[in-house]
Structures are given as structure tokens and as C-alpha cells.
């Protein structure tokens, strides 16, 4: 059915999220994407299609459709269906062992921004960890909540846009333990919508926590080939503004751990 041409911006947003995979995204994120394509020379069909394509690239690239519809599968099944967690599944013990080396007996809070379903890796974290996963895809938030409830885990999943910095800062301020932020394979997606937002979020959040750990891919998702993913601009920015504590690779991810100077 042809879409009428005199749709308002709000109506376009509603059309975009009619499709199930986009139905539980933060409205502010959808609006930011629409700005790129809401041009006079484009039809409404084009605006909707292009917006969905970009949203899919940002938020659905790591997730199998099955994850959004299944509920009763094992934790391992979910971790192996989500591309991002599947890639690090065999290395979780090594990754977390390195990140938390020396903190095994401390009470730690992990604030996992753009968590996906990484909350399901809780069993690999140090025993006293308080986990808070912040995720834009509502279906993945529900999946983590179900897991925490079922396993009686000290975890929380929050449905929130990472572009809502004020809300992110509130979440952090409510945490009293040692605070470590995860930003695993997240910064590239943020850059798609707002240039230099990675720098902005790191400058805003690093002084509020004890440490931050970022990661980015070193292999292509499809061909599994190594590619030049040094992110020199980002690594240089971190080195200039913060104290780098560790820099290492596991599997197809590079991890950089840092704190305020």
C-alpha cells in the first residue's frame, strides 16, 4: 500500500517503528536517524526504508532474529546466537580475568552501555559484581531482565538511549561501588549518528567512574578477515585525555582499559 506524501515527522517515526524489530527502540534515536533522510527530494517510502536500513545497521547487525522471538532457550544458546557475544564466548574468562585482575575480592559495579545481551555473561564476572546493562533495543532488555530474574542474579537491565547523556549520568550517580563502564563494540554505532559523539561521551563519563573499557572489532563480521581497525583517532584521543591501563586483543576484538588521569 502506497504511503501518503503529507506525513508529519512524528507520523514518519511511527511508520518506521511499525516493523517489529524497530518497535522497541528509543524514539529519540529513531528521530536522529530520520534527520539524515528527511529531505524534500525523497519520498516517504524512501525516508522510511533508508531510516530502517540505518537502524538495522546500528542495532540489529549483531542480533539474530531468533533472539527476539525465543524465550526458553539456554543462556549458552542466546550467547551463541548474538554475533557479538558469540565471538567472545570462548574468551569470556580470559577477557574478564584480565579486566578485573586484582579486583576479584572487591565489590564492583559494571555499567554496560549498549549491552546487547552481554548481561547473560554474568557468570563469567567476579562473584560480587553488581551488573547494570543499558540497551536501546527493548526486546534485548527484556531478555536480560528474564535472565536475571530466573537466575536470581544481582543485575539490572535499563531501556535507554546512549544519546540521553543526562539519564546515563543519573544511572552512574546512583551507583556507590567501584564503577567500571563497558562500551563493547558501541562507539562505531554512535559515530554513525553523531560525529565525535565517542569523544563527548568519554569526556563526560570517564571522570564519574573508576575505569572504562572499550572494544572494537578487528575482523569483518561477514568474511571474518582481518582488517585495519586501529581506530588511531580514538586511541590517540584516549591517550591524550586519559590514563591507559591496558590494551589487548582477544579473538576478533581489541580492548582498551583506561581511567581519568
Protein backbone atom coordinates (compact mmCIF):
# COMPACT_ATOMS: atom_id res chain seq x y z
CA UNK A 1 0.00 0.00 0.00
CA UNK A 2 1.35 3.39 -1.03
CA UNK A 3 2.18 5.75 1.81
CA UNK A 4 0.63 9.19 1.60
CA UNK A 5 3.04 12.04 0.94
CA UNK A 6 1.96 14.58 3.56
CA UNK A 7 3.15 12.69 6.65
CA UNK A 8 4.49 14.70 9.58
CA UNK A 9 7.85 13.84 11.17
CA UNK A 10 6.01 12.16 14.03
CA UNK A 11 3.95 10.07 11.60
CA UNK A 12 7.12 9.04 9.79
CA UNK A 13 8.66 7.93 13.07
CA UNK A 14 5.55 5.87 13.83
CA UNK A 15 5.73 4.27 10.38
CA UNK A 16 9.40 3.37 10.91
CA UNK A 17 8.73 1.61 14.21
CA UNK A 18 5.68 -0.27 12.90
CA UNK A 19 8.06 -3.08 11.99
CA UNK A 20 8.61 -5.35 14.99
CA UNK A 21 12.40 -5.21 15.03
CA UNK A 22 12.26 -1.42 15.49
CA UNK A 23 9.16 -1.28 17.70
CA UNK A 24 11.01 -1.01 20.99
CA UNK A 25 13.79 1.45 20.15
CA UNK A 26 14.05 4.81 21.94
CA UNK A 27 12.06 7.36 19.95
CA UNK A 28 14.90 9.90 20.20
CA UNK A 29 17.24 7.50 18.37
CA UNK A 30 14.70 6.97 15.58
CA UNK A 31 14.26 10.74 15.25
CA UNK A 32 18.05 11.24 14.99
CA UNK A 33 18.20 8.68 12.17
CA UNK A 34 15.24 10.21 10.33
CA UNK A 35 17.02 13.58 10.20
CA UNK A 36 19.56 12.09 7.76
CA UNK A 37 16.88 11.12 5.25
CA UNK A 38 14.04 13.59 5.79
CA UNK A 39 14.88 15.59 2.66
CA UNK A 40 12.44 17.23 0.19
CA UNK A 41 13.67 15.16 -2.75
CA UNK A 42 12.91 11.84 -1.04
CA UNK A 43 9.53 10.11 -0.98
CA UNK A 44 8.14 8.94 2.35
CA UNK A 45 8.77 5.35 1.28
CA UNK A 46 12.44 6.20 0.76
CA UNK A 47 12.70 8.02 4.10
CA UNK A 48 11.21 5.05 5.94
CA UNK A 49 13.29 2.44 4.12
CA UNK A 50 16.60 4.30 4.48
CA UNK A 51 15.93 5.03 8.15
CA UNK A 52 15.19 1.38 8.83
CA UNK A 53 18.33 0.33 6.95
CA UNK A 54 20.50 2.56 9.13
CA UNK A 55 18.75 1.48 12.34
CA UNK A 56 19.25 -2.14 11.34
CA UNK A 57 22.93 -1.47 10.70
CA UNK A 58 23.28 0.19 14.10
CA UNK A 59 21.20 -2.00 16.35
CA UNK A 60 20.34 -5.28 14.66
CA UNK A 61 23.62 -6.19 12.97
CA UNK A 62 24.74 -8.30 15.94
CA UNK A 63 21.39 -9.93 16.71
CA UNK A 64 19.78 -12.97 15.12
CA UNK A 65 16.03 -12.60 14.56
CA UNK A 66 15.61 -15.75 16.66
CA UNK A 67 16.85 -13.90 19.74
CA UNK A 68 13.88 -11.53 19.59
CA UNK A 69 11.32 -14.34 19.50
CA UNK A 70 12.78 -17.12 21.69
CA UNK A 71 12.48 -17.11 25.48
CA UNK A 72 13.07 -20.61 26.82
CA UNK A 73 16.44 -21.48 25.32
CA UNK A 74 19.59 -21.88 27.43
CA UNK A 75 21.87 -18.98 28.32
CA UNK A 76 24.60 -20.51 26.16
CA UNK A 77 22.19 -20.71 23.20
CA UNK A 78 21.45 -16.98 23.40
CA UNK A 79 25.11 -16.00 23.82
CA UNK A 80 26.00 -18.03 20.74
CA UNK A 81 23.15 -16.60 18.64
CA UNK A 82 24.08 -12.94 19.24
CA UNK A 83 27.05 -12.33 16.93
CA UNK A 84 28.91 -10.04 19.32
CA UNK A 85 28.69 -12.36 22.34
CA UNK A 86 29.23 -15.41 20.13
CA UNK A 87 32.57 -14.01 19.03
CA UNK A 88 33.82 -13.59 22.60
CA UNK A 89 32.05 -16.62 24.13
CA UNK A 90 35.15 -18.84 24.31
CA UNK A 91 37.26 -15.98 25.66
CA UNK A 92 34.97 -14.51 28.33
CA UNK A 93 37.00 -15.95 31.22
CA UNK A 94 40.24 -14.57 29.79
CA UNK A 95 38.73 -11.17 28.93
CA UNK A 96 37.09 -10.62 32.31
CA UNK A 97 40.06 -12.17 34.10
CA UNK A 98 42.30 -9.53 32.57
CA UNK A 99 39.90 -6.62 33.06
CA UNK A 100 39.26 -7.44 36.73
CA UNK A 101 42.72 -8.65 37.65
CA UNK A 102 43.35 -7.61 41.26
CA UNK A 103 39.70 -6.72 41.91
CA UNK A 104 38.35 -10.24 42.47
CA UNK A 105 37.51 -9.58 46.14
CA UNK A 106 36.20 -6.03 45.71
CA UNK A 107 32.57 -5.02 45.33
CA UNK A 108 32.32 -3.82 41.74
CA UNK A 109 29.54 -2.31 39.65
CA UNK A 110 29.70 -2.78 35.89
CA UNK A 111 27.67 -0.28 33.86
CA UNK A 112 27.47 -1.93 30.44
CA UNK A 113 26.46 0.72 27.89
CA UNK A 114 24.99 -0.66 24.67
CA UNK A 115 24.94 -4.04 26.39
CA UNK A 116 23.06 -6.06 23.78
CA UNK A 117 22.68 -9.33 25.70
CA UNK A 118 26.09 -9.14 27.39
CA UNK A 119 24.32 -9.37 30.76
CA UNK A 120 23.91 -13.08 30.07
CA UNK A 121 27.68 -13.42 30.51
CA UNK A 122 27.24 -12.60 34.21
CA UNK A 123 28.55 -15.99 35.35
CA UNK A 124 31.99 -15.07 33.97
CA UNK A 125 32.18 -11.87 36.05
CA UNK A 126 33.72 -11.71 39.57
CA UNK A 127 31.29 -13.05 42.16
CA UNK A 128 30.49 -9.76 43.91
CA UNK A 129 29.72 -7.84 40.72
CA UNK A 130 26.64 -5.64 40.52
CA UNK A 131 25.70 -5.53 36.82
CA UNK A 132 23.71 -2.77 35.08
CA UNK A 133 23.10 -3.21 31.36
CA UNK A 134 21.87 -0.18 29.40
CA UNK A 135 20.45 -1.06 25.98
CA UNK A 136 18.37 0.70 23.31
CA UNK A 137 16.69 -2.44 21.90
CA UNK A 138 13.80 -3.11 24.25
CA UNK A 139 13.50 -6.80 23.34
CA UNK A 140 17.10 -7.39 24.44
CA UNK A 141 16.44 -5.52 27.69
CA UNK A 142 13.50 -7.86 28.39
CA UNK A 143 15.70 -10.87 27.64
CA UNK A 144 18.31 -9.74 30.18
CA UNK A 145 15.61 -9.00 32.77
CA UNK A 146 14.17 -12.50 32.36
CA UNK A 147 17.63 -14.00 32.78
CA UNK A 148 18.41 -12.01 35.96
CA UNK A 149 15.06 -12.96 37.49
CA UNK A 150 15.34 -16.62 36.56
CA UNK A 151 18.92 -16.97 37.82
CA UNK A 152 18.39 -14.68 40.85
CA UNK A 153 21.30 -12.51 39.76
CA UNK A 154 22.28 -9.10 41.11
CA UNK A 155 21.67 -7.49 37.74
CA UNK A 156 19.55 -4.80 36.21
CA UNK A 157 18.67 -4.02 32.59
CA UNK A 158 17.61 -0.50 31.60
CA UNK A 159 15.95 0.54 28.35
CA UNK A 160 17.66 3.81 27.42
CA UNK A 161 19.31 5.66 24.55
CA UNK A 162 23.03 6.30 24.91
CA UNK A 163 22.36 9.72 23.41
CA UNK A 164 20.45 10.61 26.57
CA UNK A 165 23.58 11.55 28.49
CA UNK A 166 21.71 13.15 31.39
CA UNK A 167 19.93 9.87 32.10
CA UNK A 168 23.15 7.87 31.73
CA UNK A 169 24.83 10.17 34.26
CA UNK A 170 21.91 9.65 36.68
CA UNK A 171 22.31 5.89 36.39
CA UNK A 172 26.02 6.21 37.18
CA UNK A 173 25.46 8.60 40.10
CA UNK A 174 23.15 6.07 41.77
CA UNK A 175 25.97 3.51 41.92
CA UNK A 176 28.10 3.58 45.08
CA UNK A 177 30.60 0.74 44.45
CA UNK A 178 33.75 0.81 42.37
CA UNK A 179 32.40 1.71 38.89
CA UNK A 180 33.59 0.23 35.61
CA UNK A 181 31.91 1.15 32.33
CA UNK A 182 31.87 -1.27 29.40
CA UNK A 183 31.47 0.10 25.87
CA UNK A 184 31.92 -3.07 23.82
CA UNK A 185 31.62 -2.53 20.04
CA UNK A 186 29.42 0.50 20.66
CA UNK A 187 31.35 3.62 19.67
CA UNK A 188 31.24 2.96 15.90
CA UNK A 189 27.44 2.85 16.01
CA UNK A 190 27.26 6.11 17.95
CA UNK A 191 29.52 7.77 15.39
CA UNK A 192 27.08 6.82 12.62
CA UNK A 193 24.54 9.26 14.08
CA UNK A 194 26.70 11.96 15.60
CA UNK A 195 30.27 12.68 14.61
CA UNK A 196 32.67 12.80 17.59
CA UNK A 197 29.98 11.58 19.98
CA UNK A 198 32.52 8.99 21.16
CA UNK A 199 34.75 11.81 22.39
CA UNK A 200 31.82 13.57 24.02
CA UNK A 201 30.57 10.55 25.93
CA UNK A 202 34.08 9.59 27.11
CA UNK A 203 34.84 13.13 28.29
CA UNK A 204 31.53 13.27 30.17
CA UNK A 205 31.64 9.83 31.76
CA UNK A 206 35.29 8.99 32.49
CA UNK A 207 35.62 11.45 35.42
CA UNK A 208 32.49 9.90 37.00
CA UNK A 209 33.77 6.32 37.17
CA UNK A 210 36.88 4.40 38.21
CA UNK A 211 37.58 2.83 34.82
CA UNK A 212 36.21 2.46 31.31
CA UNK A 213 36.77 -0.47 28.95
CA UNK A 214 36.01 -0.01 25.26
CA UNK A 215 36.31 -2.56 22.48
CA UNK A 216 36.10 -2.61 18.72
CA UNK A 217 36.19 -5.30 16.06
CA UNK A 218 39.41 -6.32 14.34
CA UNK A 219 37.77 -8.67 11.83
CA UNK A 220 34.88 -8.19 9.42
CA UNK A 221 31.64 -9.80 10.57
CA UNK A 222 30.87 -11.46 7.24
CA UNK A 223 34.18 -12.60 5.76
CA UNK A 224 35.98 -12.96 9.11
CA UNK A 225 39.02 -11.32 7.51
CA UNK A 226 41.44 -9.18 9.48
CA UNK A 227 41.13 -5.53 8.53
CA UNK A 228 42.82 -2.31 9.51
CA UNK A 229 40.84 -1.37 12.59
CA UNK A 230 43.38 0.53 14.60
CA UNK A 231 41.00 3.45 15.28
CA UNK A 232 44.09 5.63 15.60
CA UNK A 233 41.99 8.77 16.10
CA UNK A 234 40.23 7.18 19.06
CA UNK A 235 43.33 5.60 20.61
CA UNK A 236 45.18 8.93 20.31
CA UNK A 237 42.26 10.79 21.90
CA UNK A 238 42.18 8.36 24.83
CA UNK A 239 45.95 8.59 25.28
CA UNK A 240 45.87 12.39 25.27
CA UNK A 241 42.97 12.76 27.71
CA UNK A 242 43.05 9.71 29.96
CA UNK A 243 45.39 7.18 31.53
CA UNK A 244 45.60 3.95 29.52
CA UNK A 245 45.76 0.98 31.89
CA UNK A 246 45.72 -1.89 29.40
CA UNK A 247 45.44 -2.55 25.66
CA UNK A 248 44.95 -6.11 24.46
CA UNK A 249 43.30 -8.37 21.84
CA UNK A 250 41.21 -11.49 22.27
CA UNK A 251 39.53 -13.23 19.37
CA UNK A 252 38.33 -10.58 16.93
CA UNK A 253 38.17 -7.71 19.44
CA UNK A 254 40.64 -5.14 20.71
CA UNK A 255 40.07 -3.89 24.27
CA UNK A 256 41.39 -0.66 25.79
CA UNK A 257 41.04 -0.06 29.52
CA UNK A 258 41.59 3.45 30.89
CA UNK A 259 40.76 5.91 33.67
CA UNK A 260 40.95 9.63 34.35
CA UNK A 261 44.48 10.97 34.74
